Amino acid sequence: MLAWLSENMATIIVCAIVFGFFAVAVVRIVRDRKKGKNSCGCGCADCPMNGRCHS
């Protein structure tokens, strides 16, 4: 088991880093949605979907 871990350590570390970035992105999106922030980052005044996507 230790031999397999040492042979694949680089792959394991890279996968852990990628998974970490993915988890941070998902948490940030969920927090922003709960706060009512829109995903596009611009104002809703000129948006054609104004009044339909946000309450």
C-alpha atoms as a PDB file:
ATOM      1  CA  MET A   1       0.000   0.000   0.000  1.00  0.00           C
ATOM      2  CA  LEU A   2       2.806   2.437   0.833  1.00  0.00           C
ATOM      3  CA  ALA A   3       4.521   1.642  -2.463  1.00  0.00           C
ATOM      4  CA  TRP A   4       1.360   2.509  -4.390  1.00  0.00           C
ATOM      5  CA  LEU A   5       0.985   5.779  -2.462  1.00  0.00           C
ATOM      6  CA  SER A   6       4.572   6.807  -3.116  1.00  0.00           C
ATOM      7  CA  GLU A   7       4.272   5.980  -6.831  1.00  0.00           C
ATOM      8  CA  ASN A   8       1.077   8.011  -7.221  1.00  0.00           C
ATOM      9  CA  MET A   9       1.771  10.870  -4.816  1.00  0.00           C
ATOM     10  CA  ALA A  10       1.941  13.543  -7.545  1.00  0.00           C
ATOM     11  CA  THR A  11      -1.422  12.483  -8.995  1.00  0.00           C
ATOM     12  CA  ILE A  12      -3.017  12.404  -5.554  1.00  0.00           C
ATOM     13  CA  ILE A  13      -1.747  15.901  -4.708  1.00  0.00           C
ATOM     14  CA  VAL A  14      -2.904  17.382  -8.032  1.00  0.00           C
ATOM     15  CA  CYS A  15      -6.350  15.789  -7.653  1.00  0.00           C
ATOM     16  CA  ALA A  16      -6.637  17.126  -4.098  1.00  0.00           C
ATOM     17  CA  ILE A  17      -5.764  20.656  -5.268  1.00  0.00           C
ATOM     18  CA  VAL A  18      -8.265  20.524  -8.145  1.00  0.00           C
ATOM     19  CA  PHE A  19     -10.967  19.174  -5.829  1.00  0.00           C
ATOM     20  CA  GLY A  20     -10.191  21.932  -3.331  1.00  0.00           C
ATOM     21  CA  PHE A  21     -10.621  24.673  -5.949  1.00  0.00           C
ATOM     22  CA  PHE A  22     -13.868  23.062  -7.107  1.00  0.00           C
ATOM     23  CA  ALA A  23     -15.207  22.901  -3.547  1.00  0.00           C
ATOM     24  CA  VAL A  24     -14.317  26.549  -2.893  1.00  0.00           C
ATOM     25  CA  ALA A  25     -16.077  27.595  -6.106  1.00  0.00           C
ATOM     26  CA  VAL A  26     -19.245  25.681  -5.227  1.00  0.00           C
ATOM     27  CA  VAL A  27     -19.325  27.097  -1.688  1.00  0.00           C
ATOM     28  CA  ARG A  28     -18.883  30.624  -3.034  1.00  0.00           C
ATOM     29  CA  ILE A  29     -21.689  30.200  -5.578  1.00  0.00           C
ATOM     30  CA  VAL A  30     -24.042  28.848  -2.894  1.00  0.00           C
ATOM     31  CA  ARG A  31     -23.229  31.723  -0.508  1.00  0.00           C
ATOM     32  CA  ASP A  32     -23.742  34.305  -3.256  1.00  0.00           C
ATOM     33  CA  ARG A  33     -27.102  32.788  -4.187  1.00  0.00           C
ATOM     34  CA  LYS A  34     -28.246  32.864  -0.564  1.00  0.00           C
ATOM     35  CA  LYS A  35     -27.258  36.544  -0.341  1.00  0.00           C
ATOM     36  CA  GLY A  36     -29.293  37.292  -3.480  1.00  0.00           C
ATOM     37  CA  LYS A  37     -26.370  38.265  -5.672  1.00  0.00           C
ATOM     38  CA  ASN A  38     -26.831  37.719  -9.384  1.00  0.00           C
ATOM     39  CA  SER A  39     -24.441  35.562 -11.353  1.00  0.00           C
ATOM     40  CA  CYS A  40     -23.683  37.918 -14.226  1.00  0.00           C
ATOM     41  CA  GLY A  41     -22.205  40.703 -12.089  1.00  0.00           C
ATOM     42  CA  CYS A  42     -23.935  43.544 -13.908  1.00  0.00           C
ATOM     43  CA  GLY A  43     -26.989  45.555 -13.006  1.00  0.00           C
ATOM     44  CA  CYS A  44     -30.475  44.351 -13.795  1.00  0.00           C
ATOM     45  CA  ALA A  45     -31.777  47.686 -15.110  1.00  0.00           C
ATOM     46  CA  ASP A  46     -30.744  47.044 -18.730  1.00  0.00           C
ATOM     47  CA  CYS A  47     -31.221  43.289 -18.688  1.00  0.00           C
ATOM     48  CA  PRO A  48     -33.917  41.871 -21.004  1.00  0.00           C
ATOM     49  CA  MET A  49     -34.900  39.439 -18.208  1.00  0.00           C
ATOM     50  CA  ASN A  50     -35.374  42.312 -15.716  1.00  0.00           C
ATOM     51  CA  GLY A  51     -37.903  41.334 -13.075  1.00  0.00           C
ATOM     52  CA  ARG A  52     -38.099  37.699 -14.118  1.00  0.00           C
ATOM     53  CA  CYS A  53     -34.984  36.128 -12.595  1.00  0.00           C
ATOM     54  CA  HIS A  54     -34.969  37.882  -9.195  1.00  0.00           C
ATOM     55  CA  SER A  55     -37.827  38.431  -6.829  1.00  0.00           C
END
